[in-house]
Amino acid sequence: MSVSAKAMQTPHADFEHASDVYTASTAAVLEVDQGERFSLDARSLLTGGHFEDGHYELCSIPVTGPVIVRGVRPGDTLRVDIHEIRIADRGAMLTQPGRGGFGEPLRSYGHMVDIVDGEVRFGDGITIAARPMIGKLGVAPSVGEPSSSTVGTHGGNMDCNDVTAGSAVILPVQVAGARLFAGDLHAAQGDGECSLTGVEVEGTVVLSCRVLPGVAVARPVVLSGDRVIAIGDGDDLDEAARYALDDLLALVVADRGWSRERAAMLLSAAANVSVSQLVNARATVKASLEGRYFLNPPYSHRSFS
């Protein structure tokens, strides 16, 4: 069941406005001003009843959108603030043959869980702290219509578990109005999402967007907690890690005015590299550095909010 807020004061789109692709050609579900809060419902594995019927092959997790942000132009850099993530009280997980990060293939298997008092009741007395996150968030590309399950310079299926309430995602804009999509909410997900899914849930996100003048990014950057997180994607983890590290290196060089060599040494001493997801067509890696190492907005820790 959807957890749409009642009598929303902000512009709202339900999950009937779902898309399997990031596209510039679909009619907008909302038009909002920069800084204006809006909410989107998100589907999950449980939407439509196929999961409970055991028809796992019919399950999908599309994104809701697009949302046009007025005054945003191609070449701009968009900051998307995540104000709230409201999730349903039950979730689902799924394994499928040929998917996942394990050596021996997994069987097709579904598992449903209850979410009570901020905990995922996994079963057999095991509980996992709920940490709601957005798995898919991106803008429309200027060329093509990539699947909502893939990732690229437009954002997309990053599955970065740092995209939580209070965080922000910075994206390069490719089309007028940005045309933002979001979905794929997880009640909990470990780094790597190694079995194929997190704890997939229906829910509602409250977002706002604004342009960051004078800021340029090649790929998504996440501001979460006290960390600046560059997101890289690739055909394998090595390629994804190189993109993430190159992007974080470029941010430090631009901010500090250092040589690439000196900036690389700082990353080697203070940055962390980890896997966001390794189960989709393109892998996602994140390279993160505390905001205190940056001098200027939007990456210095004093400018996160």
C-alpha atoms as a PDB file:
ATOM      1  CA  MET A   1       0.000   0.000   0.000  1.00  0.00           C
ATOM      2  CA  SER A   2       1.272   3.464  -0.868  1.00  0.00           C
ATOM      3  CA  VAL A   3       2.177   5.797   1.950  1.00  0.00           C
ATOM      4  CA  SER A   4       1.275   9.019   0.169  1.00  0.00           C
ATOM      5  CA  ALA A   5       0.889  11.900   2.595  1.00  0.00           C
ATOM      6  CA  LYS A   6      -2.676  12.999   3.150  1.00  0.00           C
ATOM      7  CA  ALA A   7      -3.753  16.434   2.000  1.00  0.00           C
ATOM      8  CA  MET A   8      -0.327  17.278   0.666  1.00  0.00           C
ATOM      9  CA  GLN A   9       0.444  20.983   0.682  1.00  0.00           C
ATOM     10  CA  THR A  10       3.193  20.462  -1.889  1.00  0.00           C
ATOM     11  CA  PRO A  11       2.834  19.427  -5.549  1.00  0.00           C
ATOM     12  CA  HIS A  12       2.484  15.660  -5.683  1.00  0.00           C
ATOM     13  CA  ALA A  13       2.610  12.847  -8.248  1.00  0.00           C
ATOM     14  CA  ASP A  14       1.483   9.319  -7.423  1.00  0.00           C
ATOM     15  CA  PHE A  15       3.154   6.172  -8.679  1.00  0.00           C
ATOM     16  CA  GLU A  16       0.696   5.765 -11.516  1.00  0.00           C
ATOM     17  CA  HIS A  17       3.002   8.268 -13.245  1.00  0.00           C
ATOM     18  CA  ALA A  18       5.749   5.678 -13.584  1.00  0.00           C
ATOM     19  CA  SER A  19       8.326   5.250 -16.310  1.00  0.00           C
ATOM     20  CA  ASP A  20      10.677   2.407 -17.207  1.00  0.00           C
ATOM     21  CA  VAL A  21      13.115   4.843 -18.831  1.00  0.00           C
ATOM     22  CA  TYR A  22      14.722   8.223 -18.281  1.00  0.00           C
ATOM     23  CA  THR A  23      13.389  10.260 -21.178  1.00  0.00           C
ATOM     24  CA  ALA A  24      12.940  13.819 -22.389  1.00  0.00           C
ATOM     25  CA  SER A  25       9.905  12.910 -24.517  1.00  0.00           C
ATOM     26  CA  THR A  26       7.344  12.013 -21.824  1.00  0.00           C
ATOM     27  CA  ALA A  27       4.876  14.656 -20.628  1.00  0.00           C
ATOM     28  CA  ALA A  28       5.820  16.145 -17.273  1.00  0.00           C
ATOM     29  CA  VAL A  29       3.940  14.926 -14.200  1.00  0.00           C
ATOM     30  CA  LEU A  30       4.795  18.132 -12.310  1.00  0.00           C
ATOM     31  CA  GLU A  31       6.298  21.556 -12.943  1.00  0.00           C
ATOM     32  CA  VAL A  32       7.913  23.222  -9.948  1.00  0.00           C
ATOM     33  CA  ASP A  33       9.940  26.315  -9.150  1.00  0.00           C
ATOM     34  CA  GLN A  34      13.499  26.112  -7.920  1.00  0.00           C
ATOM     35  CA  GLY A  35      13.475  25.614  -4.152  1.00  0.00           C
ATOM     36  CA  GLU A  36       9.840  24.475  -4.129  1.00  0.00           C
ATOM     37  CA  ARG A  37       9.210  21.211  -2.326  1.00  0.00           C
ATOM     38  CA  PHE A  38       7.330  18.447  -4.122  1.00  0.00           C
ATOM     39  CA  SER A  39       6.571  14.798  -3.439  1.00  0.00           C
ATOM     40  CA  LEU A  40       6.664  11.643  -5.554  1.00  0.00           C
ATOM     41  CA  ASP A  41       5.268   8.208  -4.771  1.00  0.00           C
ATOM     42  CA  ALA A  42       7.480   5.235  -5.607  1.00  0.00           C
ATOM     43  CA  ARG A  43       6.561   1.697  -6.646  1.00  0.00           C
ATOM     44  CA  SER A  44       8.309  -1.436  -5.375  1.00  0.00           C
ATOM     45  CA  LEU A  45       8.476  -5.184  -6.000  1.00  0.00           C
ATOM     46  CA  LEU A  46       5.191  -5.460  -4.107  1.00  0.00           C
ATOM     47  CA  THR A  47       3.254  -3.092  -6.359  1.00  0.00           C
ATOM     48  CA  GLY A  48       0.707  -4.893  -8.531  1.00  0.00           C
ATOM     49  CA  GLY A  49       0.565  -8.176  -6.619  1.00  0.00           C
ATOM     50  CA  HIS A  50       2.938 -10.172  -8.846  1.00  0.00           C
ATOM     51  CA  PHE A  51       5.423 -10.765  -6.040  1.00  0.00           C
ATOM     52  CA  GLU A  52       2.884 -12.328  -3.696  1.00  0.00           C
ATOM     53  CA  ASP A  53       1.670 -14.535  -6.564  1.00  0.00           C
ATOM     54  CA  GLY A  54       5.209 -15.794  -7.162  1.00  0.00           C
ATOM     55  CA  HIS A  55       5.426 -14.251 -10.642  1.00  0.00           C
ATOM     56  CA  TYR A  56       8.766 -12.639  -9.941  1.00  0.00           C
ATOM     57  CA  GLU A  57       9.568 -12.256 -13.640  1.00  0.00           C
ATOM     58  CA  LEU A  58       6.715  -9.723 -13.888  1.00  0.00           C
ATOM     59  CA  CYS A  59       8.015  -7.537 -11.055  1.00  0.00           C
ATOM     60  CA  SER A  60       9.605  -4.220 -11.952  1.00  0.00           C
ATOM     61  CA  ILE A  61      10.705  -1.068 -10.174  1.00  0.00           C
ATOM     62  CA  PRO A  62      10.130   1.965 -12.421  1.00  0.00           C
ATOM     63  CA  VAL A  63      10.742   5.603 -11.561  1.00  0.00           C
ATOM     64  CA  THR A  64       8.172   8.377 -11.103  1.00  0.00           C
ATOM     65  CA  GLY A  65       8.441  11.474 -13.272  1.00  0.00           C
ATOM     66  CA  PRO A  66       9.471  13.530 -15.066  1.00  0.00           C
ATOM     67  CA  VAL A  67       9.385  16.690 -12.987  1.00  0.00           C
ATOM     68  CA  ILE A  68      10.238  19.917 -14.799  1.00  0.00           C
ATOM     69  CA  VAL A  69      12.160  22.452 -12.729  1.00  0.00           C
ATOM     70  CA  ARG A  70      11.477  25.913 -14.104  1.00  0.00           C
ATOM     71  CA  GLY A  71      14.409  28.006 -15.235  1.00  0.00           C
ATOM     72  CA  VAL A  72      16.835  25.084 -15.533  1.00  0.00           C
ATOM     73  CA  ARG A  73      18.807  24.868 -18.778  1.00  0.00           C
ATOM     74  CA  PRO A  74      21.136  22.348 -20.420  1.00  0.00           C
ATOM     75  CA  GLY A  75      24.640  22.767 -19.035  1.00  0.00           C
ATOM     76  CA  ASP A  76      23.385  23.792 -15.582  1.00  0.00           C
ATOM     77  CA  THR A  77      24.230  21.833 -12.468  1.00  0.00           C
ATOM     78  CA  LEU A  78      21.220  20.791 -10.393  1.00  0.00           C
ATOM     79  CA  ARG A  79      21.186  20.153  -6.652  1.00  0.00           C
ATOM     80  CA  VAL A  80      18.383  17.814  -5.538  1.00  0.00           C
ATOM     81  CA  ASP A  81      17.722  17.940  -1.789  1.00  0.00           C
ATOM     82  CA  ILE A  82      16.079  14.915  -0.170  1.00  0.00           C
ATOM     83  CA  HIS A  83      13.918  16.268   2.652  1.00  0.00           C
ATOM     84  CA  GLU A  84      11.901  13.182   3.601  1.00  0.00           C
ATOM     85  CA  ILE A  85      11.625   9.504   2.719  1.00  0.00           C
ATOM     86  CA  ARG A  86       8.440   7.876   4.007  1.00  0.00           C
ATOM     87  CA  ILE A  87       8.264   4.117   3.604  1.00  0.00           C
ATOM     88  CA  ALA A  88       5.553   1.454   3.878  1.00  0.00           C
ATOM     89  CA  ASP A  89       5.431  -1.077   6.706  1.00  0.00           C
ATOM     90  CA  ARG A  90       6.429  -4.093   4.625  1.00  0.00           C
ATOM     91  CA  GLY A  91       9.104  -4.793   2.068  1.00  0.00           C
ATOM     92  CA  ALA A  92      10.401  -7.525  -0.200  1.00  0.00           C
ATOM     93  CA  MET A  93      13.679  -8.984  -1.426  1.00  0.00           C
ATOM     94  CA  LEU A  94      14.365 -11.148  -4.463  1.00  0.00           C
ATOM     95  CA  THR A  95      17.084 -13.358  -5.892  1.00  0.00           C
ATOM     96  CA  GLN A  96      17.181 -14.507  -9.494  1.00  0.00           C
ATOM     97  CA  PRO A  97      19.330 -17.044 -11.377  1.00  0.00           C
ATOM     98  CA  GLY A  98      22.349 -15.424 -12.967  1.00  0.00           C
ATOM     99  CA  ARG A  99      22.059 -12.272 -10.868  1.00  0.00           C
ATOM    100  CA  GLY A 100      23.960 -11.225  -7.777  1.00  0.00           C
ATOM    101  CA  GLY A 101      27.588 -11.043  -6.774  1.00  0.00           C
ATOM    102  CA  PHE A 102      28.127 -14.637  -5.673  1.00  0.00           C
ATOM    103  CA  GLY A 103      30.185 -17.332  -7.379  1.00  0.00           C
ATOM    104  CA  GLU A 104      27.535 -20.040  -7.368  1.00  0.00           C
ATOM    105  CA  PRO A 105      24.216 -18.983  -8.957  1.00  0.00           C
ATOM    106  CA  LEU A 106      21.270 -18.299  -6.665  1.00  0.00           C
ATOM    107  CA  ARG A 107      17.777 -19.710  -7.146  1.00  0.00           C
ATOM    108  CA  SER A 108      14.699 -17.610  -7.811  1.00  0.00           C
ATOM    109  CA  TYR A 109      13.517 -16.809  -4.295  1.00  0.00           C
ATOM    110  CA  GLY A 110      11.324 -14.129  -2.737  1.00  0.00           C
ATOM    111  CA  HIS A 111      11.242 -12.990   0.862  1.00  0.00           C
ATOM    112  CA  MET A 112       8.802 -10.557   2.488  1.00  0.00           C
ATOM    113  CA  VAL A 113       9.529  -8.628   5.673  1.00  0.00           C
ATOM    114  CA  ASP A 114       7.685  -6.363   8.068  1.00  0.00           C
ATOM    115  CA  ILE A 115       9.099  -2.983   9.048  1.00  0.00           C
ATOM    116  CA  VAL A 116       8.210  -2.060  12.608  1.00  0.00           C
ATOM    117  CA  ASP A 117       9.509   0.727  14.874  1.00  0.00           C
ATOM    118  CA  GLY A 118      12.403   1.560  12.592  1.00  0.00           C
ATOM    119  CA  GLU A 119      13.525  -2.045  12.180  1.00  0.00           C
ATOM    120  CA  VAL A 120      13.329  -4.583   9.382  1.00  0.00           C
ATOM    121  CA  ARG A 121      12.037  -7.858  10.853  1.00  0.00           C
ATOM    122  CA  PHE A 122      14.084 -10.217   8.688  1.00  0.00           C
ATOM    123  CA  GLY A 123      12.910 -13.404  10.427  1.00  0.00           C
ATOM    124  CA  ASP A 124      14.311 -15.971  12.869  1.00  0.00           C
ATOM    125  CA  GLY A 125      14.775 -13.231  15.442  1.00  0.00           C
ATOM    126  CA  ILE A 126      17.014 -11.118  13.194  1.00  0.00           C
ATOM    127  CA  THR A 127      16.325  -7.389  12.943  1.00  0.00           C
ATOM    128  CA  ILE A 128      18.079  -4.831  10.758  1.00  0.00           C
ATOM    129  CA  ALA A 129      17.996  -1.106  11.444  1.00  0.00           C
ATOM    130  CA  ALA A 130      15.915   0.646   8.795  1.00  0.00           C
ATOM    131  CA  ARG A 131      17.791   3.360   6.908  1.00  0.00           C
ATOM    132  CA  PRO A 132      15.469   4.488   4.104  1.00  0.00           C
ATOM    133  CA  MET A 133      17.218   5.498   0.882  1.00  0.00           C
ATOM    134  CA  ILE A 134      16.505   6.314  -2.764  1.00  0.00           C
ATOM    135  CA  GLY A 135      17.989   3.800  -5.199  1.00  0.00           C
ATOM    136  CA  LYS A 136      17.098   5.580  -8.452  1.00  0.00           C
ATOM    137  CA  LEU A 137      17.318   9.320  -9.015  1.00  0.00           C
ATOM    138  CA  GLY A 138      18.255  11.019 -12.254  1.00  0.00           C
ATOM    139  CA  VAL A 139      17.512  13.514 -14.992  1.00  0.00           C
ATOM    140  CA  ALA A 140      16.590  12.976 -18.632  1.00  0.00           C
ATOM    141  CA  PRO A 141      19.542  12.547 -21.000  1.00  0.00           C
ATOM    142  CA  SER A 142      19.801  14.625 -24.169  1.00  0.00           C
ATOM    143  CA  VAL A 143      20.190  11.494 -26.315  1.00  0.00           C
ATOM    144  CA  GLY A 144      18.521   8.121 -25.871  1.00  0.00           C
ATOM    145  CA  GLU A 145      16.176   6.671 -23.283  1.00  0.00           C
ATOM    146  CA  PRO A 146      18.219   4.588 -20.833  1.00  0.00           C
ATOM    147  CA  SER A 147      16.410   2.011 -18.704  1.00  0.00           C
ATOM    148  CA  SER A 148      15.435   3.064 -15.219  1.00  0.00           C
ATOM    149  CA  SER A 149      17.555   0.118 -14.029  1.00  0.00           C
ATOM    150  CA  THR A 150      20.811   1.465 -15.430  1.00  0.00           C
ATOM    151  CA  VAL A 151      23.127   4.284 -14.374  1.00  0.00           C
ATOM    152  CA  GLY A 152      25.187   6.943 -16.123  1.00  0.00           C
ATOM    153  CA  THR A 153      26.076  10.621 -16.258  1.00  0.00           C
ATOM    154  CA  HIS A 154      22.359  11.397 -15.853  1.00  0.00           C
ATOM    155  CA  GLY A 155      22.279   9.604 -12.467  1.00  0.00           C
ATOM    156  CA  GLY A 156      19.838   6.721 -12.486  1.00  0.00           C
ATOM    157  CA  ASN A 157      20.075   3.428 -10.617  1.00  0.00           C
ATOM    158  CA  MET A 158      23.008   4.448  -8.411  1.00  0.00           C
ATOM    159  CA  ASP A 159      21.881   2.355  -5.418  1.00  0.00           C
ATOM    160  CA  CYS A 160      24.036   4.538  -3.179  1.00  0.00           C
ATOM    161  CA  ASN A 161      22.876   3.941   0.386  1.00  0.00           C
ATOM    162  CA  ASP A 162      24.012   7.438   1.365  1.00  0.00           C
ATOM    163  CA  VAL A 163      21.082   8.976  -0.570  1.00  0.00           C
ATOM    164  CA  THR A 164      18.968   9.326   2.559  1.00  0.00           C
ATOM    165  CA  ALA A 165      16.795  12.059   4.074  1.00  0.00           C
ATOM    166  CA  GLY A 166      18.970  15.112   4.663  1.00  0.00           C
ATOM    167  CA  SER A 167      21.329  14.335   1.802  1.00  0.00           C
ATOM    168  CA  ALA A 168      21.607  16.009  -1.601  1.00  0.00           C
ATOM    169  CA  VAL A 169      22.453  14.749  -5.084  1.00  0.00           C
ATOM    170  CA  ILE A 170      24.207  17.020  -7.593  1.00  0.00           C
ATOM    171  CA  LEU A 171      23.581  16.217 -11.268  1.00  0.00           C
ATOM    172  CA  PRO A 172      24.655  17.628 -14.641  1.00  0.00           C
ATOM    173  CA  VAL A 173      21.599  18.872 -16.554  1.00  0.00           C
ATOM    174  CA  GLN A 174      21.220  17.787 -20.175  1.00  0.00           C
ATOM    175  CA  VAL A 175      17.765  19.063 -21.209  1.00  0.00           C
ATOM    176  CA  ALA A 176      15.604  22.087 -20.450  1.00  0.00           C
ATOM    177  CA  GLY A 177      13.796  21.784 -17.128  1.00  0.00           C
ATOM    178  CA  ALA A 178      16.094  18.902 -16.066  1.00  0.00           C
ATOM    179  CA  ARG A 179      13.152  16.428 -16.135  1.00  0.00           C
ATOM    180  CA  LEU A 180      13.848  14.641 -12.880  1.00  0.00           C
ATOM    181  CA  PHE A 181      12.798  11.064 -12.065  1.00  0.00           C
ATOM    182  CA  ALA A 182      13.001   9.192  -8.727  1.00  0.00           C
ATOM    183  CA  GLY A 183      12.046   5.803  -7.292  1.00  0.00           C
ATOM    184  CA  ASP A 184      13.318   2.440  -6.027  1.00  0.00           C
ATOM    185  CA  LEU A 185      13.137   3.036  -2.285  1.00  0.00           C
ATOM    186  CA  HIS A 186      14.926   0.689   0.098  1.00  0.00           C
ATOM    187  CA  ALA A 187      14.280   0.302   3.822  1.00  0.00           C
ATOM    188  CA  ALA A 188      17.822  -1.064   4.130  1.00  0.00           C
ATOM    189  CA  GLN A 189      20.676  -1.919   1.785  1.00  0.00           C
ATOM    190  CA  GLY A 190      24.280  -2.883   2.353  1.00  0.00           C
ATOM    191  CA  ASP A 191      27.105  -1.618   0.172  1.00  0.00           C
ATOM    192  CA  GLY A 192      27.085  -3.699  -3.017  1.00  0.00           C
ATOM    193  CA  GLU A 193      23.421  -4.801  -2.893  1.00  0.00           C
ATOM    194  CA  CYS A 194      25.015  -8.207  -3.394  1.00  0.00           C
ATOM    195  CA  SER A 195      21.975 -10.513  -3.729  1.00  0.00           C
ATOM    196  CA  LEU A 196      20.248  -8.287  -6.354  1.00  0.00           C
ATOM    197  CA  THR A 197      17.900  -6.137  -4.222  1.00  0.00           C
ATOM    198  CA  GLY A 198      17.783  -4.193  -1.019  1.00  0.00           C
ATOM    199  CA  VAL A 199      14.691  -4.315   1.181  1.00  0.00           C
ATOM    200  CA  GLU A 200      12.412  -2.913  -1.525  1.00  0.00           C
ATOM    201  CA  VAL A 201       9.499  -0.764  -0.322  1.00  0.00           C
ATOM    202  CA  GLU A 202       6.774   1.491  -1.605  1.00  0.00           C
ATOM    203  CA  GLY A 203       6.904   5.018  -0.278  1.00  0.00           C
ATOM    204  CA  THR A 204       6.965   8.748  -0.848  1.00  0.00           C
ATOM    205  CA  VAL A 205       9.884  11.135  -1.197  1.00  0.00           C
ATOM    206  CA  VAL A 206       9.847  14.896  -0.637  1.00  0.00           C
ATOM    207  CA  LEU A 207      12.404  16.743  -2.750  1.00  0.00           C
ATOM    208  CA  SER A 208      13.394  20.209  -3.922  1.00  0.00           C
ATOM    209  CA  CYS A 209      15.785  21.330  -6.656  1.00  0.00           C
ATOM    210  CA  ARG A 210      17.921  24.355  -7.397  1.00  0.00           C
ATOM    211  CA  VAL A 211      20.681  25.337  -9.807  1.00  0.00           C
ATOM    212  CA  LEU A 212      24.216  25.705  -8.457  1.00  0.00           C
ATOM    213  CA  PRO A 213      25.776  28.611 -10.396  1.00  0.00           C
ATOM    214  CA  GLY A 214      29.420  28.206 -11.306  1.00  0.00           C
ATOM    215  CA  VAL A 215      29.523  24.520 -10.359  1.00  0.00           C
ATOM    216  CA  ALA A 216      30.272  21.784 -12.909  1.00  0.00           C
ATOM    217  CA  VAL A 217      30.192  18.004 -12.433  1.00  0.00           C
ATOM    218  CA  ALA A 218      30.769  15.202 -14.930  1.00  0.00           C
ATOM    219  CA  ARG A 219      28.689  12.624 -13.070  1.00  0.00           C
ATOM    220  CA  PRO A 220      26.528  12.507  -9.927  1.00  0.00           C
ATOM    221  CA  VAL A 221      27.937  13.767  -6.634  1.00  0.00           C
ATOM    222  CA  VAL A 222      26.231  13.049  -3.304  1.00  0.00           C
ATOM    223  CA  LEU A 223      26.459  15.210  -0.184  1.00  0.00           C
ATOM    224  CA  SER A 224      25.584  13.047   2.818  1.00  0.00           C
ATOM    225  CA  GLY A 225      26.418  13.412   6.484  1.00  0.00           C
ATOM    226  CA  ASP A 226      29.767  15.161   6.414  1.00  0.00           C
ATOM    227  CA  ARG A 227      31.012  13.524   3.206  1.00  0.00           C
ATOM    228  CA  VAL A 228      31.343  14.429  -0.460  1.00  0.00           C
ATOM    229  CA  ILE A 229      30.707  11.270  -2.515  1.00  0.00           C
ATOM    230  CA  ALA A 230      31.579  10.961  -6.210  1.00  0.00           C
ATOM    231  CA  ILE A 231      29.611   8.260  -8.035  1.00  0.00           C
ATOM    232  CA  GLY A 232      31.306   6.338 -10.843  1.00  0.00           C
ATOM    233  CA  ASP A 233      29.762   3.715 -13.098  1.00  0.00           C
ATOM    234  CA  GLY A 234      31.319   1.228 -15.483  1.00  0.00           C
ATOM    235  CA  ASP A 235      31.139  -2.111 -17.225  1.00  0.00           C
ATOM    236  CA  ASP A 236      33.044  -3.496 -14.234  1.00  0.00           C
ATOM    237  CA  LEU A 237      34.095  -2.327 -10.781  1.00  0.00           C
ATOM    238  CA  ASP A 238      37.554  -1.240 -11.941  1.00  0.00           C
ATOM    239  CA  GLU A 239      36.131   1.158 -14.532  1.00  0.00           C
ATOM    240  CA  ALA A 240      33.534   2.473 -12.078  1.00  0.00           C
ATOM    241  CA  ALA A 241      36.212   3.081  -9.432  1.00  0.00           C
ATOM    242  CA  ARG A 242      38.395   5.000 -11.885  1.00  0.00           C
ATOM    243  CA  TYR A 243      35.525   7.331 -12.789  1.00  0.00           C
ATOM    244  CA  ALA A 244      34.623   7.899  -9.132  1.00  0.00           C
ATOM    245  CA  LEU A 245      38.236   8.622  -8.165  1.00  0.00           C
ATOM    246  CA  ASP A 246      38.851  10.839 -11.191  1.00  0.00           C
ATOM    247  CA  ASP A 247      35.757  12.894 -10.380  1.00  0.00           C
ATOM    248  CA  LEU A 248      36.654  13.282  -6.698  1.00  0.00           C
ATOM    249  CA  LEU A 249      40.216  14.195  -7.684  1.00  0.00           C
ATOM    250  CA  ALA A 250      38.903  16.875 -10.051  1.00  0.00           C
ATOM    251  CA  LEU A 251      36.738  18.346  -7.268  1.00  0.00           C
ATOM    252  CA  VAL A 252      39.722  18.629  -4.917  1.00  0.00           C
ATOM    253  CA  VAL A 253      41.998  20.114  -7.606  1.00  0.00           C
ATOM    254  CA  ALA A 254      39.386  22.734  -8.517  1.00  0.00           C
ATOM    255  CA  ASP A 255      38.650  23.572  -4.881  1.00  0.00           C
ATOM    256  CA  ARG A 256      42.233  23.725  -3.581  1.00  0.00           C
ATOM    257  CA  GLY A 257      44.106  24.741  -6.703  1.00  0.00           C
ATOM    258  CA  TRP A 258      46.524  21.880  -6.133  1.00  0.00           C
ATOM    259  CA  SER A 259      48.321  19.693  -8.625  1.00  0.00           C
ATOM    260  CA  ARG A 260      46.664  16.378  -9.442  1.00  0.00           C
ATOM    261  CA  GLU A 261      49.531  14.603  -7.708  1.00  0.00           C
ATOM    262  CA  ARG A 262      49.097  16.411  -4.413  1.00  0.00           C
ATOM    263  CA  ALA A 263      45.316  15.978  -4.538  1.00  0.00           C
ATOM    264  CA  ALA A 264      45.766  12.256  -5.275  1.00  0.00           C
ATOM    265  CA  MET A 265      47.927  11.936  -2.168  1.00  0.00           C
ATOM    266  CA  LEU A 266      45.166  13.478  -0.044  1.00  0.00           C
ATOM    267  CA  LEU A 267      42.686  10.967  -1.444  1.00  0.00           C
ATOM    268  CA  SER A 268      45.071   8.097  -0.779  1.00  0.00           C
ATOM    269  CA  ALA A 269      45.397   9.210   2.846  1.00  0.00           C
ATOM    270  CA  ALA A 270      41.839  10.307   3.639  1.00  0.00           C
ATOM    271  CA  ALA A 271      39.283   9.131   1.048  1.00  0.00           C
ATOM    272  CA  ASN A 272      37.281   5.903   1.063  1.00  0.00           C
ATOM    273  CA  VAL A 273      36.340   3.821  -1.975  1.00  0.00           C
ATOM    274  CA  SER A 274      33.482   1.335  -1.750  1.00  0.00           C
ATOM    275  CA  VAL A 275      30.906  -0.450  -3.885  1.00  0.00           C
ATOM    276  CA  SER A 276      27.386   0.945  -4.236  1.00  0.00           C
ATOM    277  CA  GLN A 277      26.078  -1.930  -6.359  1.00  0.00           C
ATOM    278  CA  LEU A 278      27.656  -4.747  -8.354  1.00  0.00           C
ATOM    279  CA  VAL A 279      24.548  -6.558  -9.604  1.00  0.00           C
ATOM    280  CA  ASN A 280      23.232  -4.457 -12.484  1.00  0.00           C
ATOM    281  CA  ALA A 281      24.363  -4.095 -16.088  1.00  0.00           C
ATOM    282  CA  ARG A 282      26.746  -1.317 -15.032  1.00  0.00           C
ATOM    283  CA  ALA A 283      28.474  -1.392 -11.659  1.00  0.00           C
ATOM    284  CA  THR A 284      28.504   1.621  -9.345  1.00  0.00           C
ATOM    285  CA  VAL A 285      31.380   2.667  -7.074  1.00  0.00           C
ATOM    286  CA  LYS A 286      31.560   5.617  -4.685  1.00  0.00           C
ATOM    287  CA  ALA A 287      34.643   7.573  -3.632  1.00  0.00           C
ATOM    288  CA  SER A 288      34.100   9.782  -0.591  1.00  0.00           C
ATOM    289  CA  LEU A 289      35.980  12.484   1.292  1.00  0.00           C
ATOM    290  CA  GLU A 290      34.968  14.479   4.346  1.00  0.00           C
ATOM    291  CA  GLY A 291      33.692  17.967   3.570  1.00  0.00           C
ATOM    292  CA  ARG A 292      36.216  19.523   5.956  1.00  0.00           C
ATOM    293  CA  TYR A 293      38.915  19.028   3.321  1.00  0.00           C
ATOM    294  CA  PHE A 294      37.123  21.419   0.945  1.00  0.00           C
ATOM    295  CA  LEU A 295      37.308  25.209   1.154  1.00  0.00           C
ATOM    296  CA  ASN A 296      34.365  26.314  -0.967  1.00  0.00           C
ATOM    297  CA  PRO A 297      30.652  25.644  -1.550  1.00  0.00           C
ATOM    298  CA  PRO A 298      28.926  23.385  -2.302  1.00  0.00           C
ATOM    299  CA  TYR A 299      31.422  20.824  -0.963  1.00  0.00           C
ATOM    300  CA  SER A 300      32.804  22.441   2.190  1.00  0.00           C
ATOM    301  CA  HIS A 301      31.015  20.967   5.193  1.00  0.00           C
ATOM    302  CA  ARG A 302      29.750  24.415   6.223  1.00  0.00           C
ATOM    303  CA  SER A 303      27.739  24.641   3.002  1.00  0.00           C
ATOM    304  CA  PHE A 304      26.035  21.220   2.977  1.00  0.00           C
ATOM    305  CA  SER A 305      22.630  22.520   4.096  1.00  0.00           C
END
